PDB file of N, CA and C in Angstrom:
ATOM      1  N   MET A   1     134.777  94.837 124.169  1.00  0.00           N
ATOM      2  CA  MET A   1     134.286  96.195 124.039  1.00  0.00           C
ATOM      3  C   MET A   1     132.883  96.144 123.423  1.00  0.00           C
ATOM      4  N   PRO A   2     131.895  96.738 124.076  1.00  0.00           N
ATOM      5  CA  PRO A   2     130.526  96.714 123.546  1.00  0.00           C
ATOM      6  C   PRO A   2     130.420  97.568 122.284  1.00  0.00           C
ATOM      7  N   THR A   3     129.594  97.101 121.364  1.00  0.00           N
ATOM      8  CA  THR A   3     129.372  97.865 120.138  1.00  0.00           C
ATOM      9  C   THR A   3     128.226  98.851 120.347  1.00  0.00           C
ATOM     10  N   ARG A   4     128.276  99.912 119.565  1.00  0.00           N
ATOM     11  CA  ARG A   4     127.204 100.907 119.649  1.00  0.00           C
ATOM     12  C   ARG A   4     125.953 100.372 118.991  1.00  0.00           C
ATOM     13  N   LEU A   5     124.831 100.732 119.566  1.00  0.00           N
ATOM     14  CA  LEU A   5     123.553 100.363 118.968  1.00  0.00           C
ATOM     15  C   LEU A   5     123.312 101.264 117.765  1.00  0.00           C
ATOM     16  N   GLN A   6     123.159 100.653 116.610  1.00  0.00           N
ATOM     17  CA  GLN A   6     122.958 101.412 115.386  1.00  0.00           C
ATOM     18  C   GLN A   6     121.771 100.816 114.637  1.00  0.00           C
ATOM     19  N   PRO A   7     120.818 101.644 114.221  1.00  0.00           N
ATOM     20  CA  PRO A   7     119.667 101.121 113.490  1.00  0.00           C
ATOM     21  C   PRO A   7     120.100 100.372 112.233  1.00  0.00           C
ATOM     22  N   LYS A   8     119.382  99.315 111.920  1.00  0.00           N
ATOM     23  CA  LYS A   8     119.713  98.480 110.765  1.00  0.00           C
ATOM     24  C   LYS A   8     119.635  99.268 109.462  1.00  0.00           C
ATOM     25  N   LEU A   9     118.813 100.299 109.416  1.00  0.00           N
ATOM     26  CA  LEU A   9     118.684 101.105 108.203  1.00  0.00           C
ATOM     27  C   LEU A   9     120.027 101.677 107.777  1.00  0.00           C
ATOM     28  N   PHE A  10     120.821 102.147 108.743  1.00  0.00           N
ATOM     29  CA  PHE A  10     122.109 102.752 108.411  1.00  0.00           C
ATOM     30  C   PHE A  10     123.097 101.721 107.885  1.00  0.00           C
ATOM     31  N   THR A  11     123.129 100.547 108.492  1.00  0.00           N
ATOM     32  CA  THR A  11     124.070  99.522 108.028  1.00  0.00           C
ATOM     33  C   THR A  11     123.656  98.970 106.668  1.00  0.00           C
ATOM     34  N   VAL A  12     122.363  98.859 106.416  1.00  0.00           N
ATOM     35  CA  VAL A  12     121.905  98.363 105.114  1.00  0.00           C
ATOM     36  C   VAL A  12     122.264  99.355 104.018  1.00  0.00           C
ATOM     37  N   LEU A  13     122.109 100.638 104.283  1.00  0.00           N
ATOM     38  CA  LEU A  13     122.437 101.637 103.270  1.00  0.00           C
ATOM     39  C   LEU A  13     123.930 101.654 102.977  1.00  0.00           C
ATOM     40  N   LYS A  14     124.765 101.396 103.988  1.00  0.00           N
ATOM     41  CA  LYS A  14     126.211 101.336 103.770  1.00  0.00           C
ATOM     42  C   LYS A  14     126.594 100.103 102.961  1.00  0.00           C
ATOM     43  N   GLU A  15     125.941  98.980 103.222  1.00  0.00           N
ATOM     44  CA  GLU A  15     126.261  97.730 102.531  1.00  0.00           C
ATOM     45  C   GLU A  15     125.783  97.737 101.087  1.00  0.00           C
ATOM     46  N   GLY A  16     124.804  98.533 100.787  1.00  0.00           N
ATOM     47  CA  GLY A  16     124.251  98.584  99.436  1.00  0.00           C
ATOM     48  C   GLY A  16     122.832  98.032  99.419  1.00  0.00           C
ATOM     49  N   TYR A  17     121.924  98.840  98.959  1.00  0.00           N
ATOM     50  CA  TYR A  17     120.513  98.463  98.912  1.00  0.00           C
ATOM     51  C   TYR A  17     120.051  98.682  97.485  1.00  0.00           C
ATOM     52  N   SER A  18     119.863  97.603  96.751  1.00  0.00           N
ATOM     53  CA  SER A  18     119.571  97.698  95.324  1.00  0.00           C
ATOM     54  C   SER A  18     118.071  97.833  95.066  1.00  0.00           C
ATOM     55  N   LEU A  19     117.756  98.098  93.814  1.00  0.00           N
ATOM     56  CA  LEU A  19     116.359  98.221  93.408  1.00  0.00           C
ATOM     57  C   LEU A  19     115.632  96.888  93.542  1.00  0.00           C
ATOM     58  N   SER A  20     116.335  95.790  93.324  1.00  0.00           N
ATOM     59  CA  SER A  20     115.693  94.478  93.482  1.00  0.00           C
ATOM     60  C   SER A  20     115.340  94.212  94.945  1.00  0.00           C
ATOM     61  N   HIS A  21     116.203  94.660  95.870  1.00  0.00           N
ATOM     62  CA  HIS A  21     115.873  94.532  97.294  1.00  0.00           C
ATOM     63  C   HIS A  21     114.641  95.370  97.633  1.00  0.00           C
ATOM     64  N   PHE A  22     114.600  96.588  97.082  1.00  0.00           N
ATOM     65  CA  PHE A  22     113.469  97.468  97.361  1.00  0.00           C
ATOM     66  C   PHE A  22     112.167  96.881  96.836  1.00  0.00           C
ATOM     67  N   SER A  23     112.190  96.355  95.612  1.00  0.00           N
ATOM     68  CA  SER A  23     110.957  95.802  95.052  1.00  0.00           C
ATOM     69  C   SER A  23     110.499  94.575  95.834  1.00  0.00           C
ATOM     70  N   ALA A  24     111.432  93.745  96.284  1.00  0.00           N
ATOM     71  CA  ALA A  24     111.060  92.584  97.102  1.00  0.00           C
ATOM     72  C   ALA A  24     110.474  93.034  98.432  1.00  0.00           C
ATOM     73  N   ASP A  25     111.067  94.059  99.042  1.00  0.00           N
ATOM     74  CA  ASP A  25     110.543  94.583 100.306  1.00  0.00           C
ATOM     75  C   ASP A  25     109.169  95.218 100.118  1.00  0.00           C
ATOM     76  N   LEU A  26     108.962  95.881  98.990  1.00  0.00           N
ATOM     77  CA  LEU A  26     107.674  96.505  98.712  1.00  0.00           C
ATOM     78  C   LEU A  26     106.572  95.459  98.563  1.00  0.00           C
ATOM     79  N   VAL A  27     106.842  94.404  97.824  1.00  0.00           N
ATOM     80  CA  VAL A  27     105.856  93.330  97.657  1.00  0.00           C
ATOM     81  C   VAL A  27     105.560  92.666  99.000  1.00  0.00           C
ATOM     82  N   ALA A  28     106.604  92.404  99.778  1.00  0.00           N
ATOM     83  CA  ALA A  28     106.406  91.789 101.093  1.00  0.00           C
ATOM     84  C   ALA A  28     105.583  92.689 102.006  1.00  0.00           C
ATOM     85  N   GLY A  29     105.831  93.993 101.949  1.00  0.00           N
ATOM     86  CA  GLY A  29     105.064  94.926 102.766  1.00  0.00           C
ATOM     87  C   GLY A  29     103.602  94.992 102.369  1.00  0.00           C
ATOM     88  N   LEU A  30     103.337  94.972 101.075  1.00  0.00           N
ATOM     89  CA  LEU A  30     101.946  94.991 100.610  1.00  0.00           C
ATOM     90  C   LEU A  30     101.199  93.726 101.024  1.00  0.00           C
ATOM     91  N   ILE A  31     101.838  92.581 100.890  1.00  0.00           N
ATOM     92  CA  ILE A  31     101.196  91.330 101.294  1.00  0.00           C
ATOM     93  C   ILE A  31     100.944  91.318 102.795  1.00  0.00           C
ATOM     94  N   THR A  32     101.913  91.787 103.562  1.00  0.00           N
ATOM     95  CA  THR A  32     101.737  91.847 105.015  1.00  0.00           C
ATOM     96  C   THR A  32     100.591  92.776 105.383  1.00  0.00           C
ATOM     97  N   GLY A  33     100.489  93.915 104.699  1.00  0.00           N
ATOM     98  CA  GLY A  33      99.395  94.842 104.963  1.00  0.00           C
ATOM     99  C   GLY A  33      98.039  94.262 104.627  1.00  0.00           C
ATOM    100  N   ILE A  34      97.971  93.525 103.517  1.00  0.00           N
ATOM    101  CA  ILE A  34      96.705  92.902 103.118  1.00  0.00           C
ATOM    102  C   ILE A  34      96.243  91.892 104.163  1.00  0.00           C
ATOM    103  N   VAL A  35      97.174  91.191 104.759  1.00  0.00           N
ATOM    104  CA  VAL A  35      96.830  90.203 105.788  1.00  0.00           C
ATOM    105  C   VAL A  35      96.574  90.874 107.136  1.00  0.00           C
ATOM    106  N   ALA A  36      97.370  91.892 107.469  1.00  0.00           N
ATOM    107  CA  ALA A  36      97.328  92.474 108.812  1.00  0.00           C
ATOM    108  C   ALA A  36      96.105  93.359 109.053  1.00  0.00           C
ATOM    109  N   LEU A  37      95.625  94.061 108.043  1.00  0.00           N
ATOM    110  CA  LEU A  37      94.512  94.985 108.277  1.00  0.00           C
ATOM    111  C   LEU A  37      93.222  94.279 108.690  1.00  0.00           C
ATOM    112  N   PRO A  38      92.776  93.241 107.992  1.00  0.00           N
ATOM    113  CA  PRO A  38      91.580  92.540 108.483  1.00  0.00           C
ATOM    114  C   PRO A  38      91.801  91.889 109.849  1.00  0.00           C
ATOM    115  N   LEU A  39      93.024  91.418 110.078  1.00  0.00           N
ATOM    116  CA  LEU A  39      93.336  90.825 111.376  1.00  0.00           C
ATOM    117  C   LEU A  39      93.242  91.870 112.485  1.00  0.00           C
ATOM    118  N   ALA A  40      93.710  93.088 112.221  1.00  0.00           N
ATOM    119  CA  ALA A  40      93.625  94.157 113.213  1.00  0.00           C
ATOM    120  C   ALA A  40      92.171  94.525 113.498  1.00  0.00           C
ATOM    121  N   ILE A  41      91.345  94.551 112.466  1.00  0.00           N
ATOM    122  CA  ILE A  41      89.918  94.819 112.665  1.00  0.00           C
ATOM    123  C   ILE A  41      89.298  93.727 113.529  1.00  0.00           C
ATOM    124  N   ALA A  42      89.642  92.473 113.245  1.00  0.00           N
ATOM    125  CA  ALA A  42      89.105  91.356 114.032  1.00  0.00           C
ATOM    126  C   ALA A  42      89.564  91.423 115.482  1.00  0.00           C
ATOM    127  N   PHE A  43      90.827  91.783 115.707  1.00  0.00           N
ATOM    128  CA  PHE A  43      91.314  91.914 117.085  1.00  0.00           C
ATOM    129  C   PHE A  43      90.578  93.026 117.821  1.00  0.00           C
ATOM    130  N   GLY A  44      90.291  94.124 117.126  1.00  0.00           N
ATOM    131  CA  GLY A  44      89.547  95.207 117.751  1.00  0.00           C
ATOM    132  C   GLY A  44      88.149  94.774 118.150  1.00  0.00           C
ATOM    133  N   ILE A  45      87.467  94.077 117.258  1.00  0.00           N
ATOM    134  CA  ILE A  45      86.117  93.593 117.556  1.00  0.00           C
ATOM    135  C   ILE A  45      86.153  92.576 118.688  1.00  0.00           C
ATOM    136  N   ALA A  46      87.117  91.653 118.641  1.00  0.00           N
ATOM    137  CA  ALA A  46      87.218  90.622 119.679  1.00  0.00           C
ATOM    138  C   ALA A  46      87.568  91.212 121.039  1.00  0.00           C
ATOM    139  N   SER A  47      88.240  92.362 121.034  1.00  0.00           N
ATOM    140  CA  SER A  47      88.608  93.009 122.295  1.00  0.00           C
ATOM    141  C   SER A  47      87.485  93.848 122.872  1.00  0.00           C
ATOM    142  N   GLY A  48      86.420  94.024 122.111  1.00  0.00           N
ATOM    143  CA  GLY A  48      85.291  94.794 122.613  1.00  0.00           C
ATOM    144  C   GLY A  48      85.389  96.281 122.347  1.00  0.00           C
ATOM    145  N   VAL A  49      86.265  96.686 121.432  1.00  0.00           N
ATOM    146  CA  VAL A  49      86.368  98.099 121.065  1.00  0.00           C
ATOM    147  C   VAL A  49      85.938  98.243 119.607  1.00  0.00           C
ATOM    148  N   LYS A  50      85.924  99.464 119.123  1.00  0.00           N
ATOM    149  CA  LYS A  50      85.544  99.712 117.737  1.00  0.00           C
ATOM    150  C   LYS A  50      86.606  99.135 116.794  1.00  0.00           C
ATOM    151  N   PRO A  51      86.205  98.699 115.614  1.00  0.00           N
ATOM    152  CA  PRO A  51      87.182  98.170 114.655  1.00  0.00           C
ATOM    153  C   PRO A  51      88.271  99.184 114.285  1.00  0.00           C
ATOM    154  N   GLU A  52      87.903 100.470 114.265  1.00  0.00           N
ATOM    155  CA  GLU A  52      88.889 101.506 113.936  1.00  0.00           C
ATOM    156  C   GLU A  52      90.019 101.538 114.953  1.00  0.00           C
ATOM    157  N   GLN A  53      89.686 101.289 116.208  1.00  0.00           N
ATOM    158  CA  GLN A  53      90.716 101.306 117.240  1.00  0.00           C
ATOM    159  C   GLN A  53      91.698 100.153 117.057  1.00  0.00           C
ATOM    160  N   GLY A  54      91.232  99.026 116.549  1.00  0.00           N
ATOM    161  CA  GLY A  54      92.135  97.931 116.213  1.00  0.00           C
ATOM    162  C   GLY A  54      93.083  98.322 115.090  1.00  0.00           C
ATOM    163  N   LEU A  55      92.560  99.061 114.100  1.00  0.00           N
ATOM    164  CA  LEU A  55      93.416  99.537 113.008  1.00  0.00           C
ATOM    165  C   LEU A  55      94.455 100.530 113.501  1.00  0.00           C
ATOM    166  N   TYR A  56      94.027 101.475 114.355  1.00  0.00           N
ATOM    167  CA  TYR A  56      94.971 102.459 114.888  1.00  0.00           C
ATOM    168  C   TYR A  56      96.091 101.770 115.656  1.00  0.00           C
ATOM    169  N   THR A  57      95.718 100.792 116.454  1.00  0.00           N
ATOM    170  CA  THR A  57      96.717 100.071 117.239  1.00  0.00           C
ATOM    171  C   THR A  57      97.695  99.340 116.329  1.00  0.00           C
ATOM    172  N   ALA A  58      97.201  98.710 115.273  1.00  0.00           N
ATOM    173  CA  ALA A  58      98.078  97.986 114.351  1.00  0.00           C
ATOM    174  C   ALA A  58      99.029  98.933 113.624  1.00  0.00           C
ATOM    175  N   ILE A  59      98.544 100.099 113.240  1.00  0.00           N
ATOM    176  CA  ILE A  59      99.389 101.063 112.532  1.00  0.00           C
ATOM    177  C   ILE A  59     100.484 101.585 113.448  1.00  0.00           C
ATOM    178  N   ILE A  60     100.116 101.963 114.667  1.00  0.00           N
ATOM    179  CA  ILE A  60     101.112 102.465 115.619  1.00  0.00           C
ATOM    180  C   ILE A  60     102.117 101.376 115.966  1.00  0.00           C
ATOM    181  N   ALA A  61     101.633 100.166 116.208  1.00  0.00           N
ATOM    182  CA  ALA A  61     102.538  99.054 116.527  1.00  0.00           C
ATOM    183  C   ALA A  61     103.465  98.757 115.351  1.00  0.00           C
ATOM    184  N   GLY A  62     102.963  98.844 114.134  1.00  0.00           N
ATOM    185  CA  GLY A  62     103.802  98.620 112.956  1.00  0.00           C
ATOM    186  C   GLY A  62     104.938  99.615 112.851  1.00  0.00           C
ATOM    187  N   PHE A  63     104.642 100.882 113.117  1.00  0.00           N
ATOM    188  CA  PHE A  63     105.700 101.891 113.094  1.00  0.00           C
ATOM    189  C   PHE A  63     106.722 101.649 114.198  1.00  0.00           C
ATOM    190  N   LEU A  64     106.252 101.329 115.394  1.00  0.00           N
ATOM    191  CA  LEU A  64     107.179 101.081 116.498  1.00  0.00           C
ATOM    192  C   LEU A  64     108.070  99.874 116.227  1.00  0.00           C
ATOM    193  N   ILE A  65     107.496  98.810 115.718  1.00  0.00           N
ATOM    194  CA  ILE A  65     108.289  97.621 115.411  1.00  0.00           C
ATOM    195  C   ILE A  65     109.310  97.925 114.318  1.00  0.00           C
ATOM    196  N   SER A  66     108.909  98.692 113.315  1.00  0.00           N
ATOM    197  CA  SER A  66     109.839  99.042 112.239  1.00  0.00           C
ATOM    198  C   SER A  66     110.992  99.894 112.748  1.00  0.00           C
ATOM    199  N   LEU A  67     110.707 100.790 113.661  1.00  0.00           N
ATOM    200  CA  LEU A  67     111.766 101.639 114.200  1.00  0.00           C
ATOM    201  C   LEU A  67     112.729 100.875 115.092  1.00  0.00           C
ATOM    202  N   LEU A  68     112.243  99.882 115.809  1.00  0.00           N
ATOM    203  CA  LEU A  68     113.066  99.194 116.796  1.00  0.00           C
ATOM    204  C   LEU A  68     113.635  97.867 116.317  1.00  0.00           C
ATOM    205  N   SER A  69     113.308  97.445 115.104  1.00  0.00           N
ATOM    206  CA  SER A  69     113.790  96.135 114.653  1.00  0.00           C
ATOM    207  C   SER A  69     115.277  96.195 114.348  1.00  0.00           C
ATOM    208  N   GLY A  70     115.920  95.048 114.411  1.00  0.00           N
ATOM    209  CA  GLY A  70     117.358  95.033 114.212  1.00  0.00           C
ATOM    210  C   GLY A  70     117.845  93.979 113.253  1.00  0.00           C
ATOM    211  N   SER A  71     116.955  93.337 112.527  1.00  0.00           N
ATOM    212  CA  SER A  71     117.371  92.249 111.657  1.00  0.00           C
ATOM    213  C   SER A  71     116.624  92.321 110.335  1.00  0.00           C
ATOM    214  N   ARG A  72     117.312  92.013 109.244  1.00  0.00           N
ATOM    215  CA  ARG A  72     116.659  92.039 107.935  1.00  0.00           C
ATOM    216  C   ARG A  72     115.687  90.890 107.771  1.00  0.00           C
ATOM    217  N   VAL A  73     115.863  89.821 108.526  1.00  0.00           N
ATOM    218  CA  VAL A  73     114.974  88.673 108.396  1.00  0.00           C
ATOM    219  C   VAL A  73     113.842  88.706 109.408  1.00  0.00           C
ATOM    220  N   GLN A  74     113.816  89.705 110.248  1.00  0.00           N
ATOM    221  CA  GLN A  74     112.771  89.826 111.259  1.00  0.00           C
ATOM    222  C   GLN A  74     111.508  90.369 110.609  1.00  0.00           C
ATOM    223  N   ILE A  75     110.396  89.735 110.880  1.00  0.00           N
ATOM    224  CA  ILE A  75     109.127  90.212 110.344  1.00  0.00           C
ATOM    225  C   ILE A  75     108.606  91.294 111.282  1.00  0.00           C
ATOM    226  N   GLY A  76     108.332  92.456 110.721  1.00  0.00           N
ATOM    227  CA  GLY A  76     107.808  93.534 111.530  1.00  0.00           C
ATOM    228  C   GLY A  76     108.638  94.745 111.551  1.00  0.00           C
TER     229      GLY A  76
END
């Protein structure tokens, strides 16, 4: 019998999400952002568009990946 597709956010909240998990996720997110923003600017410049467009693309892609991810160990 196939299982229903359920976002990982709901299963994590049911299993228990502590303050230590949140602080670790917050630090990981900040470090990822510090690395990803200059990289997005560089990708925009290398693609021949404005650097801002590289940032917009990275932000939109980040939201989409976060919404569609299914694993706690998956980056993105």
